Each structure stands twice: as structure tokens, then as C-alpha cells.
């Protein structure tokens, strides 16, 4: 169990280290997802989810990406960069 936690922490730490560079290089891209009104069957809007394919770990889940960005004080910058693409 300790080894698994250690590997998980190593992965998260590496992602946080690589995140500023990925943002600067434009590697994080928005994927747009519609917000639907099921009663009227219409699109009410869209949300942009930040997607990043890490060079070592592959695709990073948007929720994890935002959580890690928040932990290293980059959440606001990440949000702005995704909204302006």
C-alpha cells in the first residue's frame, strides 16, 4: 500500500512541476461540452473542460488537472487560459 501511495504522490508532484510549462506552451486545450435543458430539449450553454495529455502519464482528468492547478496556485491562470482559447 505504501508503494502505491508513493507512486501516486510522485505522479501528482511531477504533473504539478510540468503544469506551468504546459500552460506556457499551449498544451492545455479546452474541450467544449454542452449544457442541456432536458425539459425543453435545448442547449443552455457550454462549459470548457481543460484537457492535457502529459508526455509521461497520458491524458489527465480535467477534475484532477484543476485540483492540482489549485494546489500550486495556478487555478486562476488555468481558468483564464482555457476561457481565452
Protein backbone atom coordinates (compact mmCIF):
# COMPACT_ATOMS: atom_id res chain seq x y z
CA UNK A 1 0.00 0.00 0.00
CA UNK A 2 2.84 2.41 0.85
CA UNK A 3 4.46 1.84 -2.56
CA UNK A 4 1.19 2.68 -4.35
CA UNK A 5 0.76 5.90 -2.38
CA UNK A 6 4.37 6.79 -3.09
CA UNK A 7 3.87 6.31 -6.85
CA UNK A 8 0.66 8.34 -6.77
CA UNK A 9 2.39 11.20 -4.97
CA UNK A 10 5.33 11.07 -7.37
CA UNK A 11 2.93 11.28 -10.32
CA UNK A 12 1.00 14.22 -8.85
CA UNK A 13 4.22 16.05 -7.98
CA UNK A 14 5.59 15.60 -11.49
CA UNK A 15 2.34 16.83 -13.04
CA UNK A 16 2.43 19.95 -10.83
CA UNK A 17 6.05 20.58 -11.84
CA UNK A 18 5.22 20.26 -15.53
CA UNK A 19 1.99 22.26 -15.44
CA UNK A 20 3.42 25.81 -15.75
CA UNK A 21 5.47 24.83 -18.80
CA UNK A 22 2.49 23.08 -20.40
CA UNK A 23 0.38 26.20 -19.89
CA UNK A 24 3.09 28.41 -21.40
CA UNK A 25 3.41 26.13 -24.44
CA UNK A 26 -0.35 25.99 -25.02
CA UNK A 27 -0.52 22.24 -24.41
CA UNK A 28 -3.68 22.53 -22.34
CA UNK A 29 -6.69 22.86 -24.59
CA UNK A 30 -10.40 23.38 -23.94
CA UNK A 31 -12.93 20.72 -24.83
CA UNK A 32 -16.41 22.14 -25.01
CA UNK A 33 -19.31 20.26 -23.52
CA UNK A 34 -22.92 21.35 -24.00
CA UNK A 35 -25.13 22.13 -21.03
CA UNK A 36 -28.57 20.78 -21.87
CA UNK A 37 -32.05 21.62 -20.65
CA UNK A 38 -33.75 18.23 -20.64
CA UNK A 39 -37.27 19.58 -20.17
CA UNK A 40 -37.10 21.91 -23.19
CA UNK A 41 -34.58 19.79 -25.11
CA UNK A 42 -32.36 22.75 -25.81
CA UNK A 43 -28.75 23.69 -25.32
CA UNK A 44 -28.49 26.22 -22.47
CA UNK A 45 -24.78 26.89 -22.90
CA UNK A 46 -21.40 25.23 -22.92
CA UNK A 47 -18.67 24.55 -20.43
CA UNK A 48 -14.99 24.31 -21.26
CA UNK A 49 -13.04 21.48 -19.69
CA UNK A 50 -9.26 21.77 -19.65
CA UNK A 51 -7.59 18.79 -21.30
CA UNK A 52 -3.92 17.96 -21.22
CA UNK A 53 -2.05 14.94 -22.48
CA UNK A 54 1.02 14.71 -20.28
CA UNK A 55 4.15 13.46 -22.05
CA UNK A 56 4.70 10.69 -19.49
CA UNK A 57 1.28 10.00 -17.94
CA UNK A 58 -1.04 10.50 -20.90
CA UNK A 59 -4.42 12.26 -20.62
CA UNK A 60 -5.00 13.98 -17.29
CA UNK A 61 -8.58 14.04 -16.00
CA UNK A 62 -9.94 17.63 -16.06
CA UNK A 63 -11.02 17.46 -12.40
CA UNK A 64 -7.58 16.25 -11.33
CA UNK A 65 -5.90 18.86 -13.50
CA UNK A 66 -7.86 21.70 -11.91
CA UNK A 67 -7.28 20.29 -8.42
CA UNK A 68 -3.53 20.13 -8.99
CA UNK A 69 -3.53 23.61 -10.52
CA UNK A 70 -5.30 24.88 -7.40
CA UNK A 71 -2.72 23.19 -5.18
CA UNK A 72 0.13 25.03 -6.91
CA UNK A 73 -1.73 28.37 -7.14
CA UNK A 74 -2.31 28.15 -10.91
CA UNK A 75 -6.08 27.59 -10.97
CA UNK A 76 -6.90 31.18 -11.90
CA UNK A 77 -4.30 31.21 -14.68
CA UNK A 78 -5.54 27.85 -15.97
CA UNK A 79 -9.13 29.08 -15.98
CA UNK A 80 -8.20 32.26 -17.86
CA UNK A 81 -6.12 30.42 -20.44
CA UNK A 82 -8.91 27.94 -21.20
CA UNK A 83 -11.53 30.70 -21.49
CA UNK A 84 -9.44 32.74 -23.92
CA UNK A 85 -8.62 29.95 -26.38
